[in-house]
């Protein structure tokens, strides 16, 4: 060995992502082993110690490692000592590049103690094995990565939550951290946000209202619960609600009980940059946890957010028809205008194309006339929905229309009789065997045959019950939309909630004519088609 004095840097690294074992490879143990080794090498003086705790060995973009490289470039360090090659790095290409090219070029001595490697020893046969050891370390890291990824994929498909923190409005179950439970306090805030949006408030106004009421924003609320939250986006000393944070809640489908995971990920174990995935690759599980917001309200909010809705500066909420009025001629939005003449105030709507002097016809409608016309249209439509629903329910209750359900029940009864018959045959088999009527081979053959018939019948019963339940559920779903209209049977005025719940859009025609396009019009068409298929004589019998 040379008599040269070396200024060494002790380098230690630990990462659970690599599958490292905390007990045997702890930072303390690594440094203790290195110091013990250096105590027998007086030519090596320790001038620096660098530690990357919690950093993967797949890449070399680690803060402590880069600090060590800066010291090497400045001439402060000319020797690097590690416990073994896996602590230095697990990427065999980059690790090999440093050991075989970078360090020799910079005159740096490299020592990996447990691998018995010292770059100063030019004659050691182990130097030929180093590339293979680096390759094995890389392969080990890849294997661990594949196992972790597959395990997480399984959990996602089972509807298990694998995020570091539960979404605002939920908490992780204390007994099962992969399960979400409703946070009593935060869930009420979420419901209020959706309620205010349905009433016409903008995201900015909702954020202002929450801040004024002293409601902690999601990040501050997590901190108040004792969670260790780190963020690089904090601007003020205390984070506040913003339109962006409100929008995140309003667009998050998790509040309907749907868990969507796997929206982003890294291409492989060597590339740590998180990249978005295609929608087709997302893992979506229905009813994985309790819903905070009804699906109907969530879908309504998504439609509202797609509309062009503006709020007057002095107002807190939008006008009832904001974003819902369209010109019947050009299809553009209608603009609300307000003016005062003497002691009277007038409000009317005009086509935005006409207002901008870009064409279209001259037509408008005053707010009072519009309110009255829309109210009458809603009342009329609700009456038709109720009448149609009642007629369809009466048809479905007739004996001839219950035939399918009865057929299901009759099939089940028949299959149960077959099961009992085969069970009796099985019981008599042993008696026939004892009496010598059948041989032992025949006994086992018949026994197996009867058992298979029983099993097939049981499977058939289960399939029929599932089909019957699906048919009943489909009928319920077809009628569930009518409940939305039925809740407004005694309507006396047109409010924002009424417009949002019942109306898709309103077309304004010349001469103050209007055409209201209601929501669920596809369901309405199906209902009308079903009623139209009812024979005339059956309708007359029901009328009587």
Protein backbone atom coordinates (compact mmCIF):
# COMPACT_ATOMS: atom_id res chain seq x y z
CA UNK A 1 0.00 0.00 0.00
CA UNK A 2 1.11 3.60 -0.60
CA UNK A 3 2.31 5.91 2.20
CA UNK A 4 0.06 8.65 0.86
CA UNK A 5 -2.32 10.28 3.35
CA UNK A 6 -5.99 10.22 2.28
CA UNK A 7 -8.70 12.65 3.36
CA UNK A 8 -11.79 10.49 3.55
CA UNK A 9 -15.52 11.01 3.50
CA UNK A 10 -17.66 8.40 5.27
CA UNK A 11 -20.83 7.91 3.23
CA UNK A 12 -23.95 6.12 4.57
CA UNK A 13 -27.37 5.66 2.97
CA UNK A 14 -30.67 4.09 3.96
CA UNK A 15 -33.98 3.75 2.14
CA UNK A 16 -37.03 1.66 2.91
CA UNK A 17 -38.05 1.95 -0.75
CA UNK A 18 -35.10 -0.31 -1.60
CA UNK A 19 -36.25 -2.92 0.91
CA UNK A 20 -33.39 -2.06 3.25
CA UNK A 21 -33.46 -3.69 6.68
CA UNK A 22 -33.47 -1.09 9.40
CA UNK A 23 -31.75 -3.26 12.04
CA UNK A 24 -28.74 -4.47 10.05
CA UNK A 25 -28.29 -1.49 7.73
CA UNK A 26 -29.08 1.41 10.06
CA UNK A 27 -27.08 4.59 9.61
CA UNK A 28 -25.52 4.13 13.04
CA UNK A 29 -24.41 0.57 12.28
CA UNK A 30 -22.99 1.58 8.91
CA UNK A 31 -20.88 4.36 10.43
CA UNK A 32 -19.73 2.15 13.33
CA UNK A 33 -18.51 -0.54 10.90
CA UNK A 34 -16.69 2.05 8.77
CA UNK A 35 -14.98 3.66 11.78
CA UNK A 36 -13.85 0.27 13.03
CA UNK A 37 -12.32 -0.42 9.63
CA UNK A 38 -10.57 2.97 9.46
CA UNK A 39 -9.08 2.51 12.92
CA UNK A 40 -6.79 -0.06 11.29
CA UNK A 41 -5.81 2.30 8.47
CA UNK A 42 -3.82 5.25 9.88
CA UNK A 43 -3.16 6.58 6.37
CA UNK A 44 -6.86 7.50 6.07
CA UNK A 45 -8.07 10.62 7.92
CA UNK A 46 -11.82 11.27 8.18
CA UNK A 47 -12.58 14.88 7.22
CA UNK A 48 -16.28 14.54 6.41
CA UNK A 49 -19.36 12.38 7.03
CA UNK A 50 -22.35 12.39 4.72
CA UNK A 51 -25.71 10.70 5.29
CA UNK A 52 -28.67 10.21 2.94
CA UNK A 53 -31.39 8.84 5.21
CA UNK A 54 -34.58 7.99 3.31
CA UNK A 55 -33.15 8.25 -0.21
CA UNK A 56 -33.28 5.49 -2.82
CA UNK A 57 -30.10 4.06 -4.25
CA UNK A 58 -31.60 3.88 -7.74
CA UNK A 59 -30.30 7.33 -8.69
CA UNK A 60 -27.50 9.58 -7.43
CA UNK A 61 -29.53 12.77 -7.12
CA UNK A 62 -29.20 12.72 -3.32
CA UNK A 63 -28.35 15.85 -1.31
CA UNK A 64 -25.60 14.36 0.87
CA UNK A 65 -24.05 12.51 -2.09
CA UNK A 66 -23.93 15.72 -4.13
CA UNK A 67 -22.35 17.55 -1.17
CA UNK A 68 -19.67 14.84 -1.07
CA UNK A 69 -19.04 15.28 -4.80
CA UNK A 70 -18.65 19.05 -4.28
CA UNK A 71 -16.01 18.35 -1.61
CA UNK A 72 -14.22 15.99 -4.02
CA UNK A 73 -14.20 18.64 -6.76
CA UNK A 74 -12.84 21.25 -4.34
CA UNK A 75 -10.00 18.90 -3.31
CA UNK A 76 -11.13 18.54 0.30
CA UNK A 77 -11.84 14.80 -0.12
CA UNK A 78 -9.88 12.22 -2.11
CA UNK A 79 -11.21 9.01 -0.54
CA UNK A 80 -14.75 7.62 -0.21
CA UNK A 81 -15.55 4.81 2.24
CA UNK A 82 -18.90 2.94 2.31
CA UNK A 83 -20.16 -0.16 4.11
CA UNK A 84 -20.83 -1.98 0.83
CA UNK A 85 -21.68 -1.30 -2.78
CA UNK A 86 -25.45 -1.36 -2.16
CA UNK A 87 -25.05 1.62 0.24
CA UNK A 88 -23.21 3.53 -2.50
CA UNK A 89 -25.92 2.91 -5.11
CA UNK A 90 -28.18 0.30 -6.68
CA UNK A 91 -28.03 1.51 -10.30
CA UNK A 92 -25.33 -0.70 -11.77
CA UNK A 93 -24.66 1.57 -14.77
CA UNK A 94 -24.18 4.78 -12.79
CA UNK A 95 -22.44 3.03 -9.87
CA UNK A 96 -20.01 1.42 -12.30
CA UNK A 97 -19.44 4.74 -14.01
CA UNK A 98 -18.44 6.42 -10.72
CA UNK A 99 -16.23 3.52 -9.57
CA UNK A 100 -14.49 2.80 -12.86
CA UNK A 101 -14.33 6.25 -14.50
CA UNK A 102 -15.24 9.29 -12.40
CA UNK A 103 -13.33 8.42 -9.21
CA UNK A 104 -10.14 7.21 -11.00
CA UNK A 105 -10.18 10.34 -13.19
CA UNK A 106 -10.47 12.58 -10.11
CA UNK A 107 -7.85 10.61 -8.18
CA UNK A 108 -10.31 9.38 -5.56
CA UNK A 109 -9.75 6.17 -3.65
CA UNK A 110 -12.95 4.15 -3.21
CA UNK A 111 -13.44 1.51 -0.52
CA UNK A 112 -16.44 -0.82 -0.12
CA UNK A 113 -15.65 -2.71 3.11
CA UNK A 114 -18.01 -5.71 3.08
CA UNK A 115 -17.36 -6.28 -0.62
CA UNK A 116 -13.57 -6.32 0.04
CA UNK A 117 -13.03 -3.70 -2.63
CA UNK A 118 -10.30 -1.06 -2.50
CA UNK A 119 -9.53 0.79 -5.73
CA UNK A 120 -5.92 1.27 -4.49
CA UNK A 121 -5.28 -2.47 -4.83
CA UNK A 122 -4.74 -2.84 -8.58
CA UNK A 123 -4.03 -6.57 -8.39
CA UNK A 124 -7.15 -7.74 -6.53
CA UNK A 125 -9.14 -10.37 -8.36
CA UNK A 126 -12.38 -9.18 -6.73
CA UNK A 127 -12.34 -6.11 -8.99
CA UNK A 128 -13.69 -8.32 -11.78
CA UNK A 129 -16.70 -9.19 -9.65
CA UNK A 130 -17.65 -5.57 -8.86
CA UNK A 131 -19.76 -5.00 -12.03
CA UNK A 132 -21.67 -8.21 -11.29
CA UNK A 133 -22.31 -7.15 -7.69
CA UNK A 134 -23.61 -3.78 -8.91
CA UNK A 135 -25.85 -5.61 -11.37
CA UNK A 136 -27.19 -7.84 -8.59
CA UNK A 137 -27.89 -4.79 -6.39
CA UNK A 138 -29.75 -3.18 -9.31
CA UNK A 139 -31.75 -6.38 -9.94
CA UNK A 140 -32.62 -6.62 -6.24
CA UNK A 141 -33.95 -3.07 -6.29
CA UNK A 142 -36.00 -3.85 -9.42
CA UNK A 143 -37.44 -6.97 -7.80
CA UNK A 144 -38.48 -5.03 -4.69
CA UNK A 145 -40.04 -2.32 -6.86
CA UNK A 146 -42.08 -4.85 -8.87
CA UNK A 147 -43.35 -6.52 -5.69
CA UNK A 148 -44.35 -3.20 -4.12
CA UNK A 149 -46.10 -2.02 -7.31
CA UNK A 150 -48.06 -5.28 -7.68
CA UNK A 151 -49.09 -5.21 -4.02
CA UNK A 152 -50.33 -1.63 -4.32
CA UNK A 153 -52.20 -2.56 -7.51
CA UNK A 154 -54.00 -5.37 -5.68
CA UNK A 155 -54.97 -3.03 -2.85
CA UNK A 156 -56.32 -0.45 -5.30
CA UNK A 157 -58.46 -3.03 -7.09
CA UNK A 158 -59.88 -4.16 -3.75
CA UNK A 159 -60.96 -0.59 -3.03
CA UNK A 160 -58.37 -0.09 -0.28
CA UNK A 161 -57.14 3.48 0.19
CA UNK A 162 -53.35 3.67 -0.08
CA UNK A 163 -52.74 7.43 0.12
CA UNK A 164 -50.54 8.98 2.79
CA UNK A 165 -53.40 11.16 4.06
CA UNK A 166 -57.16 10.75 3.87
CA UNK A 167 -58.98 13.26 1.67
CA UNK A 168 -60.55 16.19 3.52
CA UNK A 169 -63.90 14.99 4.87
CA UNK A 170 -62.60 11.52 5.71
CA UNK A 171 -60.22 9.91 8.17
CA UNK A 172 -58.32 6.65 8.07
CA UNK A 173 -59.93 3.92 10.15
CA UNK A 174 -57.87 3.43 13.31
CA UNK A 175 -58.10 -0.35 12.98
CA UNK A 176 -57.60 -0.50 9.20
CA UNK A 177 -55.58 2.34 7.63
CA UNK A 178 -56.64 1.25 4.14
CA UNK A 179 -60.26 2.03 4.97
CA UNK A 180 -61.87 5.49 4.95
CA UNK A 181 -64.43 6.62 7.53
CA UNK A 182 -66.40 9.86 7.57
CA UNK A 183 -64.92 12.75 9.56
CA UNK A 184 -67.96 14.17 11.38
CA UNK A 185 -66.75 17.78 11.38
CA UNK A 186 -65.03 18.06 7.98
CA UNK A 187 -67.82 16.19 6.18
CA UNK A 188 -70.30 18.91 7.20
CA UNK A 189 -68.00 21.51 5.67
CA UNK A 190 -67.90 19.50 2.43
CA UNK A 191 -71.71 19.28 2.38
CA UNK A 192 -71.95 23.03 2.96
CA UNK A 193 -69.57 23.71 0.05
CA UNK A 194 -71.72 21.63 -2.32
CA UNK A 195 -74.90 23.24 -0.97
CA UNK A 196 -73.57 26.76 -1.52
CA UNK A 197 -72.45 25.88 -5.02
CA UNK A 198 -75.89 24.50 -5.86
CA UNK A 199 -77.38 27.75 -4.55
CA UNK A 200 -75.26 29.69 -7.01
CA UNK A 201 -72.20 30.84 -5.08
CA UNK A 202 -68.86 30.97 -6.90
CA UNK A 203 -65.76 29.17 -5.64
CA UNK A 204 -64.23 32.51 -4.66
CA UNK A 205 -67.27 33.53 -2.60
CA UNK A 206 -67.37 30.11 -0.93
CA UNK A 207 -63.67 30.43 0.00
CA UNK A 208 -64.25 33.92 1.41
CA UNK A 209 -67.20 32.70 3.44
CA UNK A 210 -65.24 29.79 4.93
CA UNK A 211 -62.33 32.08 5.83
CA UNK A 212 -64.71 34.61 7.38
CA UNK A 213 -66.29 31.86 9.49
CA UNK A 214 -62.84 30.74 10.67
CA UNK A 215 -63.07 27.29 9.11
CA UNK A 216 -59.61 25.74 8.82
CA UNK A 217 -58.57 24.87 5.27
CA UNK A 218 -57.71 21.19 4.54
CA UNK A 219 -53.97 21.56 5.23
CA UNK A 220 -54.39 23.54 8.47
CA UNK A 221 -57.08 21.09 9.59
CA UNK A 222 -54.70 18.16 9.10
CA UNK A 223 -52.03 19.99 11.12
CA UNK A 224 -54.59 20.62 13.89
CA UNK A 225 -55.18 16.85 14.05
CA UNK A 226 -51.47 16.29 14.63
CA UNK A 227 -50.63 15.11 11.12
CA UNK A 228 -47.15 15.92 9.79
CA UNK A 229 -47.93 17.76 6.57
CA UNK A 230 -45.23 19.30 4.40
CA UNK A 231 -45.86 21.54 1.41
CA UNK A 232 -43.87 23.81 -0.87
CA UNK A 233 -46.91 25.90 -1.81
CA UNK A 234 -47.47 27.75 1.49
CA UNK A 235 -47.51 31.51 0.82
CA UNK A 236 -48.75 32.89 4.13
CA UNK A 237 -47.93 31.88 7.68
CA UNK A 238 -51.37 30.29 7.92
CA UNK A 239 -52.92 28.65 4.89
CA UNK A 240 -56.38 29.86 3.88
CA UNK A 241 -59.23 28.61 1.74
CA UNK A 242 -58.89 29.60 -1.92
CA UNK A 243 -61.00 29.11 -5.08
CA UNK A 244 -58.57 26.34 -6.09
CA UNK A 245 -59.03 24.38 -2.85
CA UNK A 246 -62.82 24.73 -3.12
CA UNK A 247 -62.70 23.54 -6.74
CA UNK A 248 -60.66 20.47 -5.71
CA UNK A 249 -63.45 19.47 -3.33
CA UNK A 250 -66.26 20.19 -5.80
CA UNK A 251 -64.63 18.04 -8.50
CA UNK A 252 -63.47 15.12 -6.32
CA UNK A 253 -65.63 12.07 -7.00
CA UNK A 254 -64.49 10.45 -3.75
CA UNK A 255 -67.31 12.26 -1.92
CA UNK A 256 -69.89 10.09 -3.76
CA UNK A 257 -68.38 6.90 -2.31
CA UNK A 258 -66.26 6.19 -5.41
CA UNK A 259 -62.54 5.58 -4.93
CA UNK A 260 -60.42 6.48 -7.96
CA UNK A 261 -56.71 5.70 -7.60
CA UNK A 262 -53.71 5.18 -9.85
CA UNK A 263 -54.16 8.48 -11.71
CA UNK A 264 -50.39 8.97 -11.84
CA UNK A 265 -47.19 7.03 -11.30
CA UNK A 266 -43.55 6.62 -12.23
CA UNK A 267 -42.61 4.83 -15.49
CA UNK A 268 -40.20 2.47 -13.67
CA UNK A 269 -38.13 2.11 -10.51
CA UNK A 270 -35.26 4.21 -11.87
CA UNK A 271 -37.32 7.24 -12.89
CA UNK A 272 -38.83 9.04 -9.91
CA UNK A 273 -40.71 11.69 -11.88
CA UNK A 274 -44.45 11.24 -11.36
CA UNK A 275 -46.39 11.30 -14.62
CA UNK A 276 -50.18 11.30 -15.25
CA UNK A 277 -51.80 8.12 -16.58
CA UNK A 278 -54.55 7.75 -19.18
CA UNK A 279 -58.10 7.66 -17.79
CA UNK A 280 -58.41 4.05 -19.00
CA UNK A 281 -55.63 3.05 -16.61
CA UNK A 282 -57.26 4.56 -13.51
CA UNK A 283 -58.58 2.08 -10.97
CA UNK A 284 -62.15 2.93 -10.02
CA UNK A 285 -64.10 1.15 -7.25
CA UNK A 286 -67.73 1.99 -6.51
CA UNK A 287 -69.14 2.10 -2.94
CA UNK A 288 -65.72 1.59 -1.35
CA UNK A 289 -66.58 3.95 1.53
CA UNK A 290 -69.58 5.97 2.84
CA UNK A 291 -70.69 8.83 0.58
CA UNK A 292 -70.82 12.40 1.88
CA UNK A 293 -72.55 13.93 -1.16
CA UNK A 294 -75.42 12.42 -3.15
CA UNK A 295 -74.45 11.37 -6.67
CA UNK A 296 -77.21 13.51 -8.15
CA UNK A 297 -75.91 16.64 -6.42
CA UNK A 298 -72.32 15.91 -7.46
CA UNK A 299 -73.31 15.49 -11.14
CA UNK A 300 -75.38 18.69 -10.99
CA UNK A 301 -72.42 20.64 -9.63
CA UNK A 302 -70.20 19.37 -12.46
CA UNK A 303 -72.72 20.67 -15.02
CA UNK A 304 -72.97 24.03 -13.25
CA UNK A 305 -69.19 24.45 -13.29
CA UNK A 306 -69.15 23.94 -17.07
CA UNK A 307 -71.53 26.83 -17.65
CA UNK A 308 -70.64 30.48 -18.17
CA UNK A 309 -71.92 31.92 -14.90
CA UNK A 310 -71.09 35.41 -13.73
CA UNK A 311 -71.98 37.15 -10.48
CA UNK A 312 -72.52 40.87 -10.11
CA UNK A 313 -69.79 42.50 -7.94
CA UNK A 314 -72.23 43.57 -5.26
CA UNK A 315 -74.04 40.22 -5.18
CA UNK A 316 -73.13 37.03 -3.30
CA UNK A 317 -75.14 34.55 -5.36
CA UNK A 318 -76.01 34.21 -9.03
CA UNK A 319 -79.44 35.00 -10.41
CA UNK A 320 -81.80 32.00 -10.75
CA UNK A 321 -81.40 31.70 -14.54
CA UNK A 322 -77.69 32.54 -14.79
CA UNK A 323 -76.03 30.21 -17.29
CA UNK A 324 -79.32 28.53 -18.28
CA UNK A 325 -80.80 30.95 -20.85
CA UNK A 326 -79.98 30.51 -24.54
CA UNK A 327 -81.11 32.31 -27.65
CA UNK A 328 -83.34 30.00 -29.70
CA UNK A 329 -81.95 31.46 -32.95
CA UNK A 330 -78.15 31.62 -32.53
CA UNK A 331 -77.70 29.40 -29.45
CA UNK A 332 -75.68 32.01 -27.54
CA UNK A 333 -76.33 33.00 -23.91
CA UNK A 334 -78.89 35.61 -22.99
CA UNK A 335 -77.60 38.64 -21.06
CA UNK A 336 -79.41 40.10 -18.05
CA UNK A 337 -79.98 43.86 -18.21
CA UNK A 338 -81.32 46.12 -15.49
CA UNK A 339 -82.36 49.77 -15.68
CA UNK A 340 -84.46 52.31 -13.79
CA UNK A 341 -87.06 54.60 -15.36
CA UNK A 342 -88.52 57.07 -12.93
CA UNK A 343 -89.61 55.20 -9.84
CA UNK A 344 -89.79 51.86 -11.58
CA UNK A 345 -87.08 49.24 -12.10
CA UNK A 346 -87.01 46.97 -15.10
CA UNK A 347 -85.07 43.74 -15.67
CA UNK A 348 -84.97 41.89 -18.97
CA UNK A 349 -82.82 39.45 -20.95
CA UNK A 350 -81.37 40.03 -24.42
CA UNK A 351 -79.36 37.86 -26.81
CA UNK A 352 -75.61 38.40 -26.27
CA UNK A 353 -74.98 38.25 -30.04
CA UNK A 354 -77.51 41.03 -30.64
CA UNK A 355 -76.12 43.06 -27.75
CA UNK A 356 -72.63 42.85 -29.28
CA UNK A 357 -74.14 44.03 -32.61
CA UNK A 358 -72.95 40.91 -34.41
CA UNK A 359 -76.29 39.89 -35.87
CA UNK A 360 -79.22 37.71 -34.67
CA UNK A 361 -82.78 38.96 -34.36
CA UNK A 362 -84.10 41.61 -31.99
CA UNK A 363 -85.87 39.74 -29.26
CA UNK A 364 -85.92 39.91 -25.50
CA UNK A 365 -88.02 38.92 -22.51
CA UNK A 366 -88.60 40.65 -19.20
CA UNK A 367 -87.74 38.80 -15.99
CA UNK A 368 -91.29 38.87 -14.61
CA UNK A 369 -92.75 37.23 -17.74
CA UNK A 370 -89.91 34.69 -17.82
CA UNK A 371 -90.46 33.75 -14.16
CA UNK A 372 -94.18 33.18 -14.68
CA UNK A 373 -93.71 31.18 -17.89
CA UNK A 374 -91.03 28.94 -16.41
CA UNK A 375 -93.10 28.34 -13.26
CA UNK A 376 -96.10 27.24 -15.35
CA UNK A 377 -93.89 24.99 -17.49
CA UNK A 378 -92.41 23.32 -14.40
CA UNK A 379 -95.84 22.74 -12.83
CA UNK A 380 -97.15 21.26 -16.07
CA UNK A 381 -94.14 18.96 -16.45
CA UNK A 382 -94.35 17.75 -12.85
CA UNK A 383 -98.02 16.89 -13.34
CA UNK A 384 -97.16 14.90 -16.46
CA UNK A 385 -94.34 13.08 -14.69
CA UNK A 386 -96.59 12.13 -11.78
CA UNK A 387 -99.37 10.95 -14.08
CA UNK A 388 -96.97 8.94 -16.26
CA UNK A 389 -95.28 7.35 -13.25
CA UNK A 390 -98.61 6.40 -11.70
CA UNK A 391 -99.80 4.88 -14.98
CA UNK A 392 -96.61 2.84 -15.41
CA UNK A 393 -96.69 1.60 -11.80
CA UNK A 394 -100.31 0.44 -12.29
CA UNK A 395 -99.33 -1.41 -15.46
CA UNK A 396 -96.44 -3.14 -13.74
CA UNK A 397 -98.71 -4.20 -10.88
CA UNK A 398 -101.11 -6.08 -13.18
CA UNK A 399 -100.91 -9.89 -13.00
CA UNK A 400 -99.93 -10.27 -16.64
CA UNK A 401 -96.99 -7.91 -16.10
CA UNK A 402 -95.83 -9.81 -13.04
CA UNK A 403 -95.44 -12.95 -15.13
CA UNK A 404 -91.66 -12.62 -15.41
CA UNK A 405 -91.22 -12.37 -11.65
CA UNK A 406 -93.56 -15.33 -11.13
CA UNK A 407 -91.57 -17.29 -13.69
CA UNK A 408 -88.43 -16.68 -11.67
CA UNK A 409 -90.16 -17.90 -8.51
CA UNK A 410 -91.59 -20.93 -10.31
CA UNK A 411 -88.16 -21.90 -11.60
CA UNK A 412 -86.70 -21.62 -8.11
CA UNK A 413 -89.48 -23.82 -6.66
CA UNK A 414 -88.91 -26.41 -9.37
CA UNK A 415 -85.15 -26.45 -8.77
CA UNK A 416 -85.63 -26.81 -5.02
CA UNK A 417 -87.90 -29.80 -5.63
CA UNK A 418 -85.18 -31.32 -7.81
CA UNK A 419 -82.63 -30.82 -5.05
CA UNK A 420 -84.84 -32.57 -2.49
CA UNK A 421 -85.49 -35.44 -4.91
CA UNK A 422 -81.76 -36.01 -5.51
CA UNK A 423 -81.05 -35.79 -1.79
CA UNK A 424 -83.60 -38.57 -1.19
CA UNK A 425 -81.97 -40.67 -3.92
CA UNK A 426 -78.61 -40.23 -2.18
CA UNK A 427 -80.05 -41.37 1.14
CA UNK A 428 -81.51 -44.53 -0.42
CA UNK A 429 -78.23 -45.41 -2.13
CA UNK A 430 -76.67 -46.75 1.05
CA UNK A 431 -79.71 -48.91 1.75
CA UNK A 432 -79.52 -50.32 -1.79
CA UNK A 433 -75.83 -51.04 -1.28
CA UNK A 434 -76.48 -52.86 2.00
CA UNK A 435 -79.27 -54.92 0.45
CA UNK A 436 -77.05 -55.88 -2.46
CA UNK A 437 -79.17 -54.16 -5.06
CA UNK A 438 -76.15 -52.21 -6.34
CA UNK A 439 -72.41 -52.80 -6.16
CA UNK A 440 -69.81 -50.59 -4.54
CA UNK A 441 -68.69 -49.07 -7.84
CA UNK A 442 -72.26 -48.23 -8.76
CA UNK A 443 -72.79 -46.73 -5.29
CA UNK A 444 -69.95 -44.22 -5.69
CA UNK A 445 -70.92 -43.50 -9.30
CA UNK A 446 -74.56 -42.73 -8.44
CA UNK A 447 -73.54 -40.77 -5.33
CA UNK A 448 -71.25 -38.54 -7.37
CA UNK A 449 -73.96 -38.07 -10.03
CA UNK A 450 -76.60 -37.01 -7.49
CA UNK A 451 -74.14 -34.65 -5.78
CA UNK A 452 -73.37 -32.94 -9.09
CA UNK A 453 -77.07 -32.53 -9.87
CA UNK A 454 -77.66 -30.96 -6.45
CA UNK A 455 -74.74 -28.61 -6.92
CA UNK A 456 -75.87 -27.57 -10.41
CA UNK A 457 -79.39 -26.85 -9.14
CA UNK A 458 -78.03 -24.75 -6.28
CA UNK A 459 -75.90 -22.72 -8.70
CA UNK A 460 -78.93 -22.25 -10.97
CA UNK A 461 -81.00 -20.96 -8.04
CA UNK A 462 -78.29 -18.45 -7.13
CA UNK A 463 -78.11 -17.23 -10.75
CA UNK A 464 -81.91 -16.85 -11.01
CA UNK A 465 -82.08 -14.92 -7.74
CA UNK A 466 -79.31 -12.58 -8.91
CA UNK A 467 -81.09 -11.99 -12.25
CA UNK A 468 -84.40 -11.38 -10.49
CA UNK A 469 -82.77 -8.86 -8.12
CA UNK A 470 -81.11 -7.09 -11.04
CA UNK A 471 -84.44 -6.76 -12.86
CA UNK A 472 -86.10 -5.28 -9.76
CA UNK A 473 -83.20 -2.87 -9.22
CA UNK A 474 -83.34 -1.75 -12.85
CA UNK A 475 -87.02 -0.92 -12.47
CA UNK A 476 -86.26 1.09 -9.34
CA UNK A 477 -83.47 3.01 -11.05
CA UNK A 478 -85.72 3.85 -13.99
CA UNK A 479 -88.20 5.52 -11.64
CA UNK A 480 -85.74 7.11 -9.18
CA UNK A 481 -85.28 10.25 -11.30
CA UNK A 482 -88.96 11.08 -10.88
CA UNK A 483 -88.34 11.70 -7.18
CA UNK A 484 -86.39 14.82 -8.17
CA UNK A 485 -89.53 16.30 -9.73
CA UNK A 486 -91.91 14.99 -7.06
CA UNK A 487 -90.15 17.00 -4.35
CA UNK A 488 -91.36 20.17 -6.09
CA UNK A 489 -95.05 19.21 -6.36
CA UNK A 490 -96.15 22.28 -4.38
CA UNK A 491 -93.80 24.75 -6.04
CA UNK A 492 -94.83 28.43 -5.78
CA UNK A 493 -91.73 30.24 -7.05
CA UNK A 494 -88.71 29.65 -9.24
CA UNK A 495 -85.50 29.65 -7.19
CA UNK A 496 -81.93 28.83 -8.11
CA UNK A 497 -82.29 25.36 -6.56
CA UNK A 498 -85.37 24.65 -8.65
CA UNK A 499 -83.60 25.67 -11.88
CA UNK A 500 -80.47 23.65 -11.06
CA UNK A 501 -82.39 20.51 -10.06
CA UNK A 502 -84.99 20.40 -12.83
CA UNK A 503 -83.83 22.33 -15.89
CA UNK A 504 -81.15 21.58 -18.48
CA UNK A 505 -81.55 24.89 -20.32
CA UNK A 506 -84.19 27.39 -21.48
CA UNK A 507 -84.48 28.64 -25.07
CA UNK A 508 -85.82 32.16 -25.54
CA UNK A 509 -87.73 32.79 -28.78
CA UNK A 510 -89.08 35.93 -30.39
CA UNK A 511 -92.39 37.22 -29.10
CA UNK A 512 -91.42 36.26 -25.49
CA UNK A 513 -91.90 32.58 -26.22
CA UNK A 514 -89.85 30.07 -24.24
CA UNK A 515 -88.95 26.38 -24.55
CA UNK A 516 -87.86 24.67 -21.34
CA UNK A 517 -85.63 21.62 -21.77
CA UNK A 518 -85.84 19.63 -18.56
CA UNK A 519 -83.18 17.39 -17.07
CA UNK A 520 -83.53 13.61 -17.39
CA UNK A 521 -85.23 14.07 -20.76
CA UNK A 522 -83.79 10.70 -21.89
CA UNK A 523 -85.51 9.01 -18.93
CA UNK A 524 -88.70 10.90 -19.75
CA UNK A 525 -88.62 9.68 -23.36
CA UNK A 526 -88.20 6.08 -22.15
CA UNK A 527 -91.12 6.48 -19.76
CA UNK A 528 -93.35 7.85 -22.52
CA UNK A 529 -92.27 5.03 -24.86
CA UNK A 530 -93.15 2.44 -22.20
CA UNK A 531 -96.60 3.97 -21.71
CA UNK A 532 -97.19 4.21 -25.46
CA UNK A 533 -96.65 0.44 -25.74
CA UNK A 534 -99.57 -0.25 -23.37
CA UNK A 535 -102.61 -1.59 -25.28
CA UNK A 536 -105.62 0.75 -25.41
CA UNK A 537 -107.97 -1.80 -23.79
CA UNK A 538 -105.62 -2.12 -20.80
CA UNK A 539 -105.53 1.67 -20.39
CA UNK A 540 -109.34 1.80 -20.42
CA UNK A 541 -109.53 -0.95 -17.77
CA UNK A 542 -107.17 1.01 -15.54
CA UNK A 543 -109.18 4.18 -16.05
CA UNK A 544 -112.28 2.39 -14.82
